[in-house]
Amino acid sequence: MRQRTWRHSPALVISAIALFVALGGTVYAAKKAQISGKAIRTKSLPGNRLKPHSVAANRLKRGVLSSARISTPLTGADINELTLGQVPNAAHAETADTAKSAIDAQTALNAVNAIDAQTVNGHSVGCLPGTQPFAGACWESSASSKAPAPLAASKCAARGGTLPEALQLAAFAEQPGVNLDAGDEWSSDIPVISGEDAYAVITVAASSVVFRDLSTNPHAYRCVIPLIT
């Protein structure tokens, strides 16, 4: 029996070669070609298909993150402090170390109760016997005998103190155990000056009512002395 031998026609062989070359070229082109952003259809890629940190912030549409919600609270480690502006009113704190007196501090907590402080600038402070702390100073617990206003001021200066201001004296009179002299006490306030050595000085009554009297008339007085270190 004769075995038949199949022979391909030249046209078939050429067609097969052409198909092989075409397929090989497509694969080669696919390997070498790069896809740019222009080749991607708008809105065709979901967000979860993007590599984290692969899109810069300046490539995002303005306002696209305005409705974003943070699922977990932020901590200090999540925030770059350099991106934060100055906290409102924090500029006042920059000069707190150079404040020369408590009256410069607009928000000094419990400034009225500064008498409770046991130290000033690192030094222990206190009041001498016969005086008591009030409003950041030492006030004489009892009034001295009556004298004209200039003499009373002179005696206080000799003790290292001054006569109190009228409103401070009225506030001191409200403290427990403090009793003003029945005939009023001198303050350091001078509301009227009519001539040389002729002026009126405010006095404070036991009922905390403020009056004024000629400086030459005698009244009791008490001195305010700075805290002793």
Protein backbone atom coordinates (compact mmCIF):
# COMPACT_ATOMS: atom_id res chain seq x y z
CA MET A 1 0.00 0.00 0.00
CA ARG A 2 1.42 3.39 -0.97
CA GLN A 3 1.66 6.03 1.76
CA ARG A 4 0.34 9.42 0.70
CA THR A 5 2.56 12.44 1.45
CA TRP A 6 0.84 15.77 2.14
CA ARG A 7 2.38 18.83 0.72
CA HIS A 8 1.34 22.33 1.66
CA SER A 9 0.80 24.83 -0.98
CA PRO A 10 3.09 27.89 -1.11
CA ALA A 11 0.13 30.20 -0.42
CA LEU A 12 -0.69 28.37 2.81
CA VAL A 13 2.93 28.53 4.00
CA ILE A 14 3.16 32.27 3.31
CA SER A 15 -0.15 32.88 5.15
CA ALA A 16 1.07 30.99 8.22
CA ILE A 17 4.34 32.94 8.29
CA ALA A 18 2.47 36.25 7.99
CA LEU A 19 0.11 35.32 10.87
CA PHE A 20 3.07 34.31 13.08
CA VAL A 21 4.86 37.62 12.41
CA ALA A 22 1.70 39.62 13.07
CA LEU A 23 1.04 37.92 16.40
CA GLY A 24 4.66 38.25 17.49
CA GLY A 25 4.72 41.95 16.64
CA THR A 26 1.59 42.59 18.69
CA VAL A 27 3.06 40.90 21.74
CA TYR A 28 6.33 42.82 21.32
CA ALA A 29 4.47 46.11 20.98
CA ALA A 30 2.37 45.38 24.07
CA LYS A 31 5.52 44.73 26.09
CA LYS A 32 7.25 47.91 24.93
CA ALA A 33 4.30 50.30 24.89
CA GLN A 34 3.53 52.50 27.91
CA ILE A 35 0.05 53.72 28.84
CA SER A 36 -0.14 57.43 29.66
CA GLY A 37 -2.85 59.32 31.51
CA LYS A 38 -4.28 60.51 28.21
CA ALA A 39 -5.04 56.91 27.28
CA ILE A 40 -7.20 56.38 30.38
CA ARG A 41 -10.82 57.35 30.11
CA THR A 42 -12.04 59.85 32.72
CA LYS A 43 -13.67 58.24 35.79
CA SER A 44 -12.76 54.76 34.49
CA LEU A 45 -10.46 53.91 37.44
CA PRO A 46 -11.89 53.57 40.99
CA GLY A 47 -9.92 55.07 43.86
CA ASN A 48 -8.99 51.69 45.29
CA ARG A 49 -7.02 50.92 42.11
CA LEU A 50 -4.58 53.79 42.72
CA LYS A 51 -1.33 53.26 44.57
CA PRO A 52 -1.23 55.22 47.87
CA HIS A 53 0.68 58.54 47.60
CA SER A 54 0.80 58.18 43.80
CA VAL A 55 -1.39 61.24 43.17
CA ALA A 56 -0.03 64.64 44.26
CA ALA A 57 -2.37 67.06 46.04
CA ASN A 58 -2.00 69.65 43.27
CA ARG A 59 -3.46 67.13 40.80
CA LEU A 60 -6.76 66.93 42.67
CA LYS A 61 -9.74 69.05 41.74
CA ARG A 62 -10.32 71.99 44.09
CA GLY A 63 -12.88 71.15 46.75
CA VAL A 64 -12.89 67.43 46.01
CA LEU A 65 -11.91 66.65 49.62
CA SER A 66 -14.25 69.16 51.29
CA SER A 67 -16.81 66.48 52.09
CA ALA A 68 -14.28 63.95 53.33
CA ARG A 69 -14.83 62.54 56.78
CA ILE A 70 -12.14 61.29 59.15
CA SER A 71 -13.10 57.93 60.61
CA THR A 72 -10.67 58.03 63.54
CA PRO A 73 -9.56 60.96 65.74
CA LEU A 74 -6.32 62.68 64.81
CA THR A 75 -3.37 62.64 67.20
CA GLY A 76 -0.38 64.92 67.45
CA ALA A 77 1.65 62.44 65.40
CA ASP A 78 -0.78 62.89 62.47
CA ILE A 79 -0.39 66.67 62.31
CA ASN A 80 2.53 68.63 60.92
CA GLU A 81 2.89 71.55 63.34
CA LEU A 82 4.60 73.65 60.68
CA THR A 83 1.32 73.81 58.74
CA LEU A 84 -0.55 75.37 61.66
CA GLY A 85 -0.86 79.11 62.15
CA GLN A 86 -0.45 80.86 65.47
CA VAL A 87 -3.18 80.15 68.03
CA PRO A 88 -5.39 83.25 68.57
CA ASN A 89 -4.08 85.47 71.40
CA ALA A 90 -1.01 83.25 71.79
CA ALA A 91 1.10 86.26 70.85
CA HIS A 92 0.39 87.68 74.31
CA ALA A 93 2.03 84.62 75.88
CA GLU A 94 5.31 85.36 74.10
CA THR A 95 5.94 88.29 76.45
CA ALA A 96 4.71 86.62 79.63
CA ASP A 97 8.26 85.96 80.83
CA THR A 98 9.08 89.68 80.65
CA ALA A 99 6.01 90.97 82.45
CA LYS A 100 7.17 93.32 85.21
CA SER A 101 4.00 93.28 87.27
CA ALA A 102 0.85 91.24 87.65
CA ILE A 103 -1.28 94.09 86.31
CA ASP A 104 0.29 93.51 82.87
CA ALA A 105 -1.25 90.04 82.68
CA GLN A 106 -4.72 90.39 81.18
CA THR A 107 -5.66 86.81 81.94
CA ALA A 108 -3.73 86.22 85.17
CA LEU A 109 -5.68 83.46 86.89
CA ASN A 110 -6.59 84.27 90.49
CA ALA A 111 -4.58 87.50 90.35
CA VAL A 112 -6.78 88.88 93.14
CA ASN A 113 -5.62 86.03 95.34
CA ALA A 114 -1.92 86.77 94.83
CA ILE A 115 -1.65 87.10 98.60
CA ASP A 116 -1.66 83.31 98.76
CA ALA A 117 1.73 83.17 97.04
CA GLN A 118 4.50 82.02 99.37
CA THR A 119 7.35 83.04 97.07
CA VAL A 120 8.11 85.96 94.75
CA ASN A 121 10.82 85.47 92.09
CA GLY A 122 12.01 82.41 94.00
CA HIS A 123 12.30 84.20 97.38
CA SER A 124 10.18 83.39 100.41
CA VAL A 125 7.90 86.25 101.42
CA GLY A 126 5.80 87.09 104.44
CA CYS A 127 4.41 89.86 106.66
CA LEU A 128 5.77 91.28 109.89
CA PRO A 129 3.88 90.85 113.16
CA GLY A 130 1.01 93.30 113.46
CA THR A 131 0.29 93.12 109.73
CA GLN A 132 -1.69 90.76 107.56
CA PRO A 133 -1.51 89.91 103.85
CA PHE A 134 -4.02 91.50 101.50
CA ALA A 135 -3.90 92.33 97.78
CA GLY A 136 -0.24 91.38 97.48
CA ALA A 137 1.02 93.48 100.41
CA CYS A 138 1.08 93.59 104.21
CA TRP A 139 -1.64 95.73 105.84
CA GLU A 140 -1.50 96.89 109.42
CA SER A 141 -4.11 94.98 111.36
CA SER A 142 -5.13 97.98 113.50
CA ALA A 143 -5.22 101.71 112.82
CA SER A 144 -2.72 104.15 114.30
CA SER A 145 -3.81 107.17 116.31
CA LYS A 146 -5.26 110.23 114.57
CA ALA A 147 -2.99 112.60 112.68
CA PRO A 148 -3.21 115.06 109.75
CA ALA A 149 -2.92 113.43 106.35
CA PRO A 150 0.64 114.66 105.56
CA LEU A 151 1.92 113.41 108.93
CA ALA A 152 0.17 110.05 108.48
CA ALA A 153 1.77 109.64 105.04
CA SER A 154 5.16 110.56 106.50
CA LYS A 155 4.86 107.97 109.28
CA CYS A 156 3.91 105.26 106.78
CA ALA A 157 6.92 106.18 104.63
CA ALA A 158 9.15 105.81 107.68
CA ARG A 159 7.81 102.25 108.07
CA GLY A 160 8.62 101.47 104.45
CA GLY A 161 5.00 101.72 103.27
CA THR A 162 2.28 104.09 102.12
CA LEU A 163 -1.29 105.04 102.90
CA PRO A 164 -3.75 102.75 101.07
CA GLU A 165 -5.89 103.74 98.12
CA ALA A 166 -9.52 104.49 99.00
CA LEU A 167 -11.12 101.54 97.18
CA GLN A 168 -8.46 99.14 98.48
CA LEU A 169 -9.12 100.36 102.02
CA ALA A 170 -12.87 99.88 101.52
CA ALA A 171 -12.22 96.31 100.27
CA PHE A 172 -9.88 95.62 103.21
CA ALA A 173 -12.64 96.72 105.60
CA GLU A 174 -14.76 93.82 104.30
CA GLN A 175 -12.21 91.22 105.44
CA PRO A 176 -13.10 89.10 108.50
CA GLY A 177 -11.84 90.60 111.74
CA VAL A 178 -11.00 94.02 110.24
CA ASN A 179 -12.57 97.07 111.87
CA LEU A 180 -11.94 100.59 110.63
CA ASP A 181 -11.69 103.46 113.07
CA ALA A 182 -15.08 104.94 113.98
CA GLY A 183 -13.88 108.38 112.91
CA ASP A 184 -12.80 107.27 109.40
CA GLU A 185 -9.30 106.54 108.14
CA TRP A 186 -7.03 108.34 105.70
CA SER A 187 -6.42 107.05 102.20
CA SER A 188 -3.82 108.26 99.71
CA ASP A 189 -6.37 109.67 97.23
CA ILE A 190 -6.43 113.47 96.76
CA PRO A 191 -9.49 114.55 94.73
CA VAL A 192 -9.30 118.35 95.28
CA ILE A 193 -6.37 120.79 95.42
CA SER A 194 -7.36 124.42 96.05
CA GLY A 195 -3.94 125.92 96.77
CA GLU A 196 -0.53 125.35 98.29
CA ASP A 197 -0.88 122.99 101.23
CA ALA A 198 -4.66 123.27 100.83
CA TYR A 199 -6.22 120.08 99.54
CA ALA A 200 -8.78 117.44 100.41
CA VAL A 201 -8.02 113.78 101.00
CA ILE A 202 -10.49 110.90 100.75
CA THR A 203 -11.29 109.05 103.96
CA VAL A 204 -13.07 105.73 104.34
CA ALA A 205 -15.69 105.18 107.02
CA ALA A 206 -16.31 102.03 109.00
CA SER A 207 -19.38 101.42 106.86
CA SER A 208 -17.14 101.51 103.73
CA VAL A 209 -18.68 104.82 102.65
CA VAL A 210 -16.04 107.12 101.15
CA PHE A 211 -15.82 110.79 102.22
CA ARG A 212 -13.29 113.58 101.83
CA ASP A 213 -11.87 115.97 104.40
CA LEU A 214 -9.21 118.67 104.62
CA SER A 215 -5.72 117.25 104.91
CA THR A 216 -5.10 119.28 108.06
CA ASN A 217 -7.87 117.56 110.01
CA PRO A 218 -6.84 114.51 112.08
CA HIS A 219 -7.95 110.99 111.23
CA ALA A 220 -6.73 107.52 112.08
CA TYR A 221 -4.65 105.71 109.49
CA ARG A 222 -3.05 102.38 108.71
CA CYS A 223 -0.08 101.69 106.45
CA VAL A 224 0.39 99.26 103.60
CA ILE A 225 3.87 97.72 103.58
CA PRO A 226 5.41 95.56 100.82
CA LEU A 227 5.88 91.84 101.45
CA ILE A 228 9.07 91.05 103.31
CA THR A 229 11.53 88.64 101.65
